[in-house]
Protein backbone atom coordinates (compact mmCIF):
# COMPACT_ATOMS: atom_id res chain seq x y z
CA MET A 1 -17.05 -0.01 9.86
CA ARG A 2 -18.80 -2.47 7.60
CA PRO A 3 -21.15 -0.99 4.98
CA ASP A 4 -24.92 -1.15 5.29
CA PRO A 5 -26.23 -4.43 3.79
CA GLN A 6 -29.06 -2.66 1.96
CA ASP A 7 -26.61 -0.17 0.47
CA ARG A 8 -24.43 -3.08 -0.71
CA GLU A 9 -27.40 -4.77 -2.35
CA ARG A 10 -28.58 -1.59 -4.09
CA ALA A 11 -25.06 -0.80 -5.32
CA ALA A 12 -24.55 -4.33 -6.62
CA ARG A 13 -27.89 -4.35 -8.43
CA HIS A 14 -27.45 -0.92 -10.02
CA SER A 15 -23.82 -1.38 -11.12
CA THR A 16 -24.54 -4.83 -12.51
CA LEU A 17 -27.51 -3.56 -14.55
CA VAL A 18 -25.23 -0.88 -16.02
CA SER A 19 -22.74 -3.61 -16.91
CA VAL A 20 -25.49 -5.68 -18.54
CA ALA A 21 -26.55 -2.77 -20.77
CA VAL A 22 -22.97 -1.97 -21.84
CA ASN A 23 -21.98 -5.57 -22.52
CA LEU A 24 -25.17 -6.41 -24.37
CA GLY A 25 -24.64 -3.57 -26.81
CA LEU A 26 -20.92 -4.24 -27.23
CA SER A 27 -21.26 -7.98 -27.76
CA LEU A 28 -23.84 -7.56 -30.52
CA ILE A 29 -21.79 -4.91 -32.30
CA GLN A 30 -18.48 -6.79 -31.97
CA ILE A 31 -19.80 -10.12 -33.21
CA ILE A 32 -21.78 -8.64 -36.13
CA VAL A 33 -18.98 -6.33 -37.27
CA GLY A 34 -16.34 -9.00 -36.57
CA LEU A 35 -18.07 -11.52 -38.81
CA TRP A 36 -18.63 -8.93 -41.53
CA ALA A 37 -15.05 -7.60 -41.30
CA HIS A 38 -13.48 -11.11 -41.12
CA SER A 39 -11.80 -10.38 -37.75
CA SER A 40 -11.49 -13.45 -35.49
CA GLY A 41 -10.02 -11.25 -32.77
CA LEU A 42 -13.07 -8.97 -32.73
CA VAL A 43 -15.43 -11.98 -32.72
CA ALA A 44 -13.45 -13.45 -29.81
CA ASP A 45 -13.79 -10.16 -27.98
CA GLY A 46 -17.53 -10.20 -28.63
CA VAL A 47 -17.79 -13.72 -27.21
CA HIS A 48 -15.85 -12.47 -24.21
CA SER A 49 -18.45 -9.72 -23.78
CA ILE A 50 -21.20 -12.35 -23.87
CA SER A 51 -19.41 -14.15 -21.04
CA ASP A 52 -19.62 -10.86 -19.16
CA LEU A 53 -23.38 -10.91 -19.63
CA VAL A 54 -23.61 -14.37 -18.13
CA ALA A 55 -21.33 -13.21 -15.29
CA ASP A 56 -23.59 -10.23 -14.66
CA PHE A 57 -26.65 -12.43 -14.26
CA VAL A 58 -24.70 -14.72 -11.91
CA VAL A 59 -23.78 -11.67 -9.82
CA LEU A 60 -27.38 -10.44 -9.74
CA ALA A 61 -28.64 -13.83 -8.57
CA ALA A 62 -25.90 -14.24 -5.96
CA ASN A 63 -26.41 -10.69 -4.69
CA ARG A 64 -30.10 -11.37 -4.15
CA ILE A 65 -29.48 -14.65 -2.30
CA SER A 66 -26.48 -13.51 -0.23
CA HIS A 67 -28.47 -10.80 1.55
CA LYS A 68 -31.14 -13.15 2.84
CA ALA A 69 -31.37 -13.42 6.61
CA ALA A 70 -29.98 -16.46 8.42
CA ASP A 71 -32.29 -19.47 8.54
CA GLN A 72 -32.27 -23.02 9.90
CA ASP A 73 -30.22 -24.39 6.99
CA HIS A 74 -27.83 -21.40 6.92
CA PRO A 75 -27.40 -20.26 10.56
CA TYR A 76 -24.48 -18.00 9.61
CA GLY A 77 -26.40 -16.32 6.80
CA HIS A 78 -25.98 -16.57 3.02
CA MET A 79 -22.91 -14.40 2.44
CA ARG A 80 -20.89 -17.27 1.02
CA PHE A 81 -23.16 -17.28 -2.01
CA GLU A 82 -21.07 -14.26 -3.07
CA THR A 83 -17.93 -16.39 -2.79
CA ALA A 84 -19.59 -19.18 -4.74
CA ALA A 85 -20.51 -16.64 -7.43
CA SER A 86 -16.89 -15.51 -7.63
CA LEU A 87 -15.88 -19.15 -8.09
CA MET A 88 -18.40 -19.53 -10.90
CA LEU A 89 -17.08 -16.36 -12.55
CA GLY A 90 -13.56 -17.76 -12.40
CA ALA A 91 -14.69 -21.04 -13.97
CA LEU A 92 -16.57 -19.12 -16.67
CA LEU A 93 -13.49 -17.05 -17.53
CA LEU A 94 -11.31 -20.16 -17.71
CA THR A 95 -13.77 -21.84 -20.07
CA VAL A 96 -14.08 -18.83 -22.36
CA GLY A 97 -10.31 -18.29 -22.40
CA ALA A 98 -9.63 -21.92 -23.26
CA GLY A 99 -12.12 -21.71 -26.15
CA MET A 100 -10.36 -18.61 -27.51
CA LEU A 101 -6.97 -20.32 -27.37
CA TRP A 102 -8.33 -23.36 -29.18
CA SER A 103 -9.91 -21.24 -31.92
CA ALA A 104 -6.68 -19.30 -32.44
CA ALA A 105 -4.64 -22.51 -32.57
CA LEU A 106 -6.80 -23.78 -35.41
CA LYS A 107 -6.09 -20.58 -37.38
CA PHE A 108 -2.35 -21.04 -36.93
CA HIS A 109 -2.52 -24.41 -38.66
CA ALA A 110 -3.82 -22.78 -41.86
CA PRO A 111 -2.31 -19.24 -42.00
CA GLN A 112 -2.93 -18.97 -45.74
CA LEU A 113 -6.68 -19.00 -45.08
CA ILE A 114 -6.60 -15.98 -42.76
CA PRO A 115 -8.46 -13.15 -44.57
CA ARG A 116 -7.64 -9.45 -44.52
CA VAL A 117 -9.90 -7.60 -42.08
CA HIS A 118 -11.94 -4.50 -42.83
CA GLN A 119 -10.99 -1.16 -41.25
CA ALA A 120 -14.39 -0.99 -39.51
CA ALA A 121 -13.11 -3.65 -37.08
CA LEU A 122 -10.48 -1.21 -35.83
CA TRP A 123 -13.01 1.50 -35.04
CA VAL A 124 -15.24 -0.94 -33.17
CA ALA A 125 -12.25 -2.22 -31.18
CA LEU A 126 -11.26 1.34 -30.20
CA CYS A 127 -14.82 2.16 -29.10
CA ALA A 128 -14.90 -1.06 -27.08
CA ILE A 129 -11.67 -0.07 -25.27
CA LEU A 130 -13.16 3.23 -24.20
CA ALA A 131 -16.49 1.73 -23.10
CA LYS A 132 -14.98 -1.17 -21.12
CA GLU A 133 -12.33 0.90 -19.38
CA SER A 134 -15.00 3.37 -18.30
CA LEU A 135 -17.17 0.50 -17.06
CA PHE A 136 -14.24 -0.95 -15.10
CA ARG A 137 -13.49 2.32 -13.32
CA TYR A 138 -17.13 2.82 -12.43
CA MET A 139 -17.61 -0.72 -11.07
CA ARG A 140 -14.31 -0.69 -9.17
CA ALA A 141 -15.33 2.52 -7.41
CA VAL A 142 -18.66 0.96 -6.38
CA ALA A 143 -16.95 -2.25 -5.16
CA HIS A 144 -14.47 -0.22 -3.11
CA ARG A 145 -17.26 1.88 -1.56
CA VAL A 146 -19.31 -1.09 -0.39
CA ARG A 147 -16.31 -3.42 0.09
CA SER A 148 -17.60 -6.28 -2.05
CA SER A 149 -15.13 -8.82 -3.45
CA MET A 150 -17.84 -10.14 -5.78
CA LEU A 151 -18.31 -6.70 -7.37
CA ALA A 152 -14.54 -6.27 -7.49
CA ALA A 153 -14.25 -9.56 -9.39
CA ASN A 154 -16.85 -8.39 -11.87
CA ALA A 155 -15.09 -5.03 -12.24
CA TRP A 156 -11.78 -6.69 -13.08
CA HIS A 157 -13.68 -8.87 -15.52
CA ALA A 158 -14.59 -5.63 -17.30
CA ARG A 159 -10.93 -4.52 -17.14
CA SER A 160 -9.87 -7.79 -18.78
CA ASP A 161 -12.31 -6.94 -21.57
CA ALA A 162 -10.75 -3.49 -21.98
CA ALA A 163 -7.28 -5.02 -22.16
CA SER A 164 -8.46 -7.65 -24.60
CA SER A 165 -10.02 -4.99 -26.83
CA LEU A 166 -6.68 -3.18 -26.87
CA VAL A 167 -4.95 -6.37 -27.98
CA VAL A 168 -7.63 -6.89 -30.63
CA ALA A 169 -7.09 -3.35 -31.91
CA LEU A 170 -3.34 -4.02 -32.23
CA GLY A 171 -4.07 -7.28 -34.04
CA VAL A 172 -6.39 -5.54 -36.48
CA ILE A 173 -3.75 -2.85 -37.13
CA GLY A 174 -1.18 -5.57 -37.86
CA ASN A 175 -3.55 -7.36 -40.19
CA LEU A 176 -4.35 -4.13 -42.03
CA ASN A 177 -0.62 -3.55 -42.49
CA GLY A 178 -0.03 -6.85 -44.26
CA VAL A 179 0.56 -9.33 -41.39
CA PRO A 180 -2.56 -11.56 -41.33
CA MET A 181 -1.31 -13.65 -38.39
CA PHE A 182 -1.69 -10.66 -36.07
CA ASP A 183 -5.48 -11.05 -35.90
CA PRO A 184 -5.62 -14.70 -34.62
CA LEU A 185 -2.56 -13.94 -32.50
CA ALA A 186 -4.55 -11.17 -30.83
CA ALA A 187 -7.38 -13.63 -30.24
CA ALA A 188 -4.90 -16.03 -28.58
CA VAL A 189 -3.51 -13.29 -26.33
CA VAL A 190 -7.05 -12.38 -25.29
CA GLY A 191 -7.71 -16.04 -24.49
CA PHE A 192 -4.59 -16.23 -22.32
CA MET A 193 -5.53 -13.05 -20.43
CA VAL A 194 -9.01 -14.36 -19.77
CA CYS A 195 -7.66 -17.69 -18.50
CA ARG A 196 -5.23 -15.94 -16.16
CA MET A 197 -7.98 -13.74 -14.72
CA GLY A 198 -10.31 -16.73 -14.30
CA TRP A 199 -7.65 -18.72 -12.45
CA ARG A 200 -6.95 -15.87 -10.04
CA PHE A 201 -10.58 -15.27 -9.08
CA GLY A 202 -11.45 -18.96 -9.02
CA TYR A 203 -8.49 -19.81 -6.79
CA ASP A 204 -9.21 -17.00 -4.31
CA ALA A 205 -12.89 -17.95 -4.11
CA PHE A 206 -12.03 -21.62 -3.59
CA GLN A 207 -9.65 -20.72 -0.75
CA ASP A 208 -12.40 -18.73 0.98
CA LEU A 209 -14.88 -21.58 0.60
CA VAL A 210 -12.47 -23.95 2.41
CA ASP A 211 -12.21 -21.53 5.37
CA ARG A 212 -9.03 -19.62 4.59
CA GLY A 213 -8.30 -17.26 7.48
CA LEU A 214 -7.30 -13.60 7.43
CA SER A 215 -3.71 -12.48 7.02
CA SER A 216 -1.46 -12.24 10.08
CA THR A 217 -1.71 -8.44 9.96
CA GLU A 218 -5.52 -8.52 9.99
CA VAL A 219 -5.57 -11.10 12.80
CA GLU A 220 -3.21 -8.93 14.86
CA ALA A 221 -5.59 -5.99 14.40
CA LEU A 222 -8.44 -8.12 15.77
CA ARG A 223 -6.26 -9.22 18.68
CA THR A 224 -5.44 -5.60 19.52
CA THR A 225 -9.11 -4.66 19.52
CA LEU A 226 -9.99 -7.50 21.89
CA SER A 227 -6.99 -6.87 24.17
CA GLN A 228 -8.04 -3.23 24.59
CA THR A 229 -11.50 -4.26 25.79
CA GLU A 230 -12.03 -3.35 29.44
CA GLY A 231 -11.51 -6.36 31.73
CA VAL A 232 -9.40 -8.36 29.24
CA VAL A 233 -5.89 -9.38 30.34
CA ASN A 234 -5.01 -10.61 26.86
CA ALA A 235 -6.54 -12.25 23.79
CA HIS A 236 -5.19 -15.50 22.36
CA ASP A 237 -6.05 -18.47 20.15
CA LEU A 238 -7.71 -16.29 17.51
CA ARG A 239 -9.13 -18.15 14.52
CA THR A 240 -10.86 -16.53 11.56
CA ARG A 241 -12.74 -17.64 8.47
CA LYS A 242 -14.38 -15.61 5.75
CA MET A 243 -18.11 -15.46 5.15
CA GLY A 244 -18.40 -13.62 1.84
CA ASP A 245 -16.79 -10.24 2.49
CA LEU A 246 -17.30 -10.54 6.24
CA VAL A 247 -15.42 -12.54 8.86
CA ILE A 248 -16.29 -15.06 11.57
CA VAL A 249 -13.99 -14.96 14.62
CA ASP A 250 -13.28 -17.47 17.39
CA ALA A 251 -11.18 -16.15 20.27
CA HIS A 252 -10.14 -16.81 23.87
CA LEU A 253 -10.05 -13.90 26.33
CA LEU A 254 -8.04 -14.08 29.54
CA VAL A 255 -9.81 -12.31 32.42
CA GLY A 256 -9.38 -12.00 36.18
CA SER A 257 -9.54 -15.35 37.98
CA HIS A 258 -12.13 -14.33 40.60
CA ILE A 259 -14.73 -12.48 38.55
CA SER A 260 -18.29 -13.78 38.33
CA VAL A 261 -19.79 -15.67 35.42
CA SER A 262 -22.03 -12.72 34.57
CA GLU A 263 -19.05 -10.33 34.53
CA GLY A 264 -17.11 -12.68 32.27
CA HIS A 265 -20.12 -12.82 29.95
CA GLN A 266 -20.29 -9.02 29.98
CA VAL A 267 -16.62 -8.79 28.97
CA ALA A 268 -17.29 -11.22 26.10
CA LEU A 269 -20.26 -9.14 24.91
CA GLN A 270 -18.16 -5.97 24.92
CA GLY A 271 -15.44 -7.73 22.93
CA GLN A 272 -17.99 -8.92 20.35
CA GLN A 273 -19.46 -5.43 20.03
CA ARG A 274 -16.03 -3.84 19.48
CA LEU A 275 -15.18 -6.37 16.78
CA ARG A 276 -18.40 -5.63 14.90
CA GLU A 277 -17.96 -1.87 15.20
CA LEU A 278 -14.29 -1.67 14.20
CA HIS A 279 -13.92 -4.59 11.76
CA ALA A 280 -15.94 -6.42 9.10
CA VAL A 281 -16.96 -9.13 11.59
CA THR A 282 -20.37 -10.73 11.25
CA ASP A 283 -20.11 -13.18 14.16
CA ALA A 284 -17.68 -13.78 17.04
CA THR A 285 -17.55 -16.70 19.47
CA ILE A 286 -15.70 -15.70 22.65
CA HIS A 287 -14.35 -18.20 25.20
CA ILE A 288 -13.50 -16.75 28.62
CA ASP A 289 -10.36 -18.08 30.33
CA ALA A 290 -9.48 -17.33 33.95
CA ASP A 291 -6.05 -15.89 34.68
CA HIS A 292 -3.62 -18.52 36.09
CA ASP A 293 -5.89 -21.25 34.76
CA ASP A 294 -4.27 -24.62 33.96
CA GLU A 295 -6.98 -26.36 31.95
CA ILE A 296 -5.29 -29.79 31.92
CA SER A 297 -4.66 -30.03 35.68
CA ASN A 298 -8.16 -28.71 36.43
CA LEU A 299 -9.93 -31.63 34.74
CA GLY A 300 -9.70 -33.91 37.80
CA LEU A 301 -10.86 -31.38 40.37
CA PRO A 302 -14.02 -32.05 42.46
CA SER A 303 -17.23 -30.36 41.40
CA ARG A 304 -19.03 -27.80 43.55
CA GLN A 305 -21.75 -30.36 44.24
CA LEU A 306 -19.17 -32.88 45.51
CA LEU A 307 -17.52 -30.25 47.72
CA LEU A 308 -20.94 -29.42 49.18
CA ARG A 309 -21.52 -33.07 50.11
CA ARG A 310 -18.08 -33.31 51.74
CA LEU A 311 -18.66 -30.18 53.80
CA ASN A 312 -22.15 -31.22 54.91
CA ALA A 313 -20.80 -34.62 55.99
CA LEU A 314 -18.52 -32.74 58.39
CA LEU A 315 -21.06 -30.13 59.54
CA GLY A 316 -23.94 -32.44 60.41
CA GLU A 317 -27.05 -30.42 61.25
CA ASP A 318 -25.65 -27.11 59.96
CA ALA A 319 -25.96 -28.18 56.33
CA LEU A 320 -25.10 -25.69 53.61
CA ARG A 321 -26.93 -25.16 50.35
CA LEU A 322 -25.32 -25.12 46.91
CA GLU A 323 -25.86 -21.38 46.45
CA HIS A 324 -23.68 -20.75 49.53
CA LEU A 325 -20.59 -21.99 47.69
CA LEU A 326 -18.52 -20.17 45.10
CA ALA A 327 -15.66 -22.24 43.62
CA HIS A 328 -12.62 -20.95 41.70
CA TYR A 329 -10.77 -23.61 39.67
CA LEU A 330 -7.17 -22.40 39.34
CA ASP A 331 -3.85 -24.11 38.61
CA GLY A 332 -4.88 -27.58 39.71
CA HIS A 333 -6.72 -26.66 42.92
CA VAL A 334 -10.00 -25.14 44.12
CA GLU A 335 -10.37 -21.94 46.07
CA LEU A 336 -13.69 -22.14 47.88
CA ASP A 337 -15.67 -19.10 49.07
CA ILE A 338 -18.64 -19.69 51.40
CA MET A 339 -21.29 -16.97 51.68
CA LEU A 340 -23.36 -17.12 54.88
CA PRO A 341 -26.37 -15.03 55.97
CA SER A 342 -26.14 -12.57 58.85
CA GLY A 343 -26.07 -14.14 62.29
CA ALA A 344 -24.14 -17.22 61.15
CA GLY A 345 -20.92 -16.28 62.91
CA ASP A 346 -20.75 -19.52 64.88
CA LEU A 347 -21.11 -21.57 61.70
CA ALA A 348 -18.35 -19.51 60.12
CA GLN A 349 -16.03 -20.40 62.99
CA ARG A 350 -16.86 -24.10 62.63
CA LEU A 351 -16.09 -23.97 58.92
CA LEU A 352 -12.74 -22.31 59.47
CA ALA A 353 -11.87 -24.98 62.04
CA LEU A 354 -12.59 -27.87 59.68
CA PRO A 355 -9.67 -29.95 58.37
CA THR A 356 -8.40 -29.03 54.92
CA LEU A 357 -10.39 -30.60 52.11
CA ASP A 358 -8.55 -32.47 49.39
CA LYS A 359 -7.69 -30.19 46.45
CA VAL A 360 -9.01 -27.18 48.43
CA PRO A 361 -5.98 -25.44 49.97
CA ARG A 362 -7.86 -22.18 50.51
CA LEU A 363 -11.29 -21.74 52.09
CA ARG A 364 -12.75 -18.32 52.82
CA VAL A 365 -15.96 -17.62 54.72
CA PHE A 366 -18.02 -14.45 54.33
CA VAL A 367 -20.89 -13.50 56.64
CA GLN A 368 -23.47 -11.03 55.41
CA GLN A 369 -23.81 -7.91 57.52
CA ALA A 370 -27.12 -7.32 59.27
CA ALA A 371 -29.23 -4.67 57.52
CA ALA A 372 -29.84 -1.35 59.30
CA PRO A 373 -33.39 -0.77 60.68
CA GLU A 374 -34.00 1.91 58.08
CA GLN A 375 -33.05 -0.59 55.35
CA ASN A 376 -35.40 -3.20 56.81
CA ARG A 377 -38.28 -0.72 56.80
CA LEU A 378 -37.43 0.17 53.21
CA ASN A 379 -37.47 -3.49 52.15
CA GLU A 380 -40.79 -4.06 53.90
CA SER A 381 -42.40 -1.11 52.16
């Protein structure tokens, strides 16, 4: 069952505002203390926290847009704005990580200029670890509850901050113990971690934007759901593409070869309903195929209108109307059913005596039974 859209929006807004408050406080403290304590690693971690702030505002904006109803320009809705936001988050992480690596590389060229850091940097780094890990666990729980990949991306962004703060703490400890290179080295490790996280989220979001389908296991689950729909012989030619955290499905359903158009449509509606109820499907296009249907050989078969003209040319005065004919296009031929009103027994005999029509090896004639007097009185009343 897919989560309620309003619940998703409320959860995204609330969790993101919590993240904004935490990151705003941490970034200010880390940068101020980092500059005062001469810790490049702590400053880098503070800049990373600022990138989280930007990410949070991107998430808030995307969350607001993605829950808009479908319109003329976006007939499938706006859910892919979430995917676009995840792509932007990935690009942001890559940019921030690259900047950290560049800053650390400059420090390595002049190691003698690396200052000794103050012990206050260690305490700030330890507090940052605790705050960011707590934020990660909270946001991951919310993302899992509402099944939002965008919120999951933002949660792991917070986890990358917690890991980076741990590295910074280790770098500060090394610097305090007489190895100055540990501090810029910690900043470089943080930069690498941020780049790796940005690549992963950016790549996944890009794949979804270019219509990556579901895994074979997920597609098989959809196929099973459709195949178990009443009236379906089997489901085939399933294609999927992601729309944010939801899925769009195209599928062919094989049904009985002699059912009516309205019954085939009913089977398709039931299949669509089951997909929406049991899977995170936002839209499904169902094509109905008749059993024993050879699509290629059926292309050259005569239309119902043409068959009507051929029959009427043979019948003369007893002309039929189009609604009398029901045609079944199967395996390169047409099976033709003719429905006649009551009292048309003589016409039925004439039809059965006609020579075989081209491409119509089977012709069946049905004559409506005369209604009982009670039924006639009921209809008149």
